[in-house]
Protein backbone atom coordinates (compact mmCIF):
# COMPACT_ATOMS: atom_id res chain seq x y z
CA MET A 1 0.00 0.00 0.00
CA ASN A 2 1.55 3.27 -1.07
CA GLU A 3 0.97 6.81 0.19
CA PHE A 4 -1.72 7.59 -2.38
CA GLU A 5 -3.89 4.65 -1.29
CA ILE A 6 -3.53 5.61 2.36
CA TYR A 7 -4.47 9.21 1.53
CA GLN A 8 -7.47 8.04 -0.48
CA ILE A 9 -8.75 5.81 2.36
CA TYR A 10 -8.21 8.70 4.79
CA ASN A 11 -10.31 11.03 2.61
CA LEU A 12 -13.06 8.42 2.18
CA ASN A 13 -13.26 8.15 5.95
CA PHE A 14 -13.76 11.93 6.20
CA ILE A 15 -16.53 11.78 3.58
CA ASN A 16 -18.22 8.94 5.45
CA ASN A 17 -18.10 10.90 8.72
CA ALA A 18 -19.47 14.02 7.02
CA ILE A 19 -22.44 12.16 5.50
CA TYR A 20 -23.21 10.52 8.85
CA THR A 21 -23.08 13.89 10.64
CA VAL A 22 -25.38 15.55 8.11
CA ALA A 23 -27.85 12.67 8.32
CA GLU A 24 -27.83 12.76 12.12
CA VAL A 25 -28.43 16.53 12.24
CA LEU A 26 -31.24 16.19 9.70
CA MET A 27 -32.92 13.34 11.59
CA THR A 28 -32.65 15.22 14.90
CA SER A 29 -34.14 18.40 13.45
CA VAL A 30 -36.99 16.43 11.84
CA ALA A 31 -37.63 14.68 15.16
CA PHE A 32 -37.87 17.98 17.05
CA TYR A 33 -40.14 19.43 14.37
CA LEU A 34 -42.45 16.40 14.51
CA ILE A 35 -42.57 16.54 18.31
CA ARG A 36 -43.61 20.19 18.16
CA ARG A 37 -46.26 19.51 15.52
CA SER A 38 -47.68 16.53 17.39
CA LYS A 39 -48.13 18.68 20.50
CA GLU A 40 -49.75 21.50 18.48
CA LEU A 41 -52.20 19.20 16.72
CA ASN A 42 -52.95 16.90 19.67
CA ALA A 43 -51.91 13.83 17.73
CA LEU A 44 -53.47 10.44 18.22
CA THR A 45 -51.87 7.88 20.49
CA TYR A 46 -50.81 5.77 17.51
CA ALA A 47 -49.06 8.76 15.97
CA LYS A 48 -47.27 9.45 19.24
CA VAL A 49 -46.07 5.84 19.41
CA VAL A 50 -44.74 5.98 15.84
CA LEU A 51 -43.09 9.32 16.57
CA SER A 52 -41.48 7.91 19.71
CA ILE A 53 -40.07 4.98 17.74
CA PHE A 54 -38.73 7.36 15.08
CA CYS A 55 -37.11 9.57 17.73
CA LEU A 56 -35.54 6.58 19.45
CA CYS A 57 -34.11 5.36 16.14
CA ALA A 58 -32.73 8.81 15.35
CA MET A 59 -31.19 9.01 18.82
CA PHE A 60 -29.80 5.46 18.78
CA PHE A 61 -28.12 5.69 15.39
């Protein structure tokens, strides 16, 4: 493995981390928006359960 391959793997790792960070920020902001909307609209219990599962998945990953 030469220096170019090491540099390429290093850059791919940065791209992977950047995509993960953007996805996590997006999922968190969507979760907060949906929580606010569910409280404003007095959502059904089923909707609150689905929203809770979505928020837990966004928080876990």
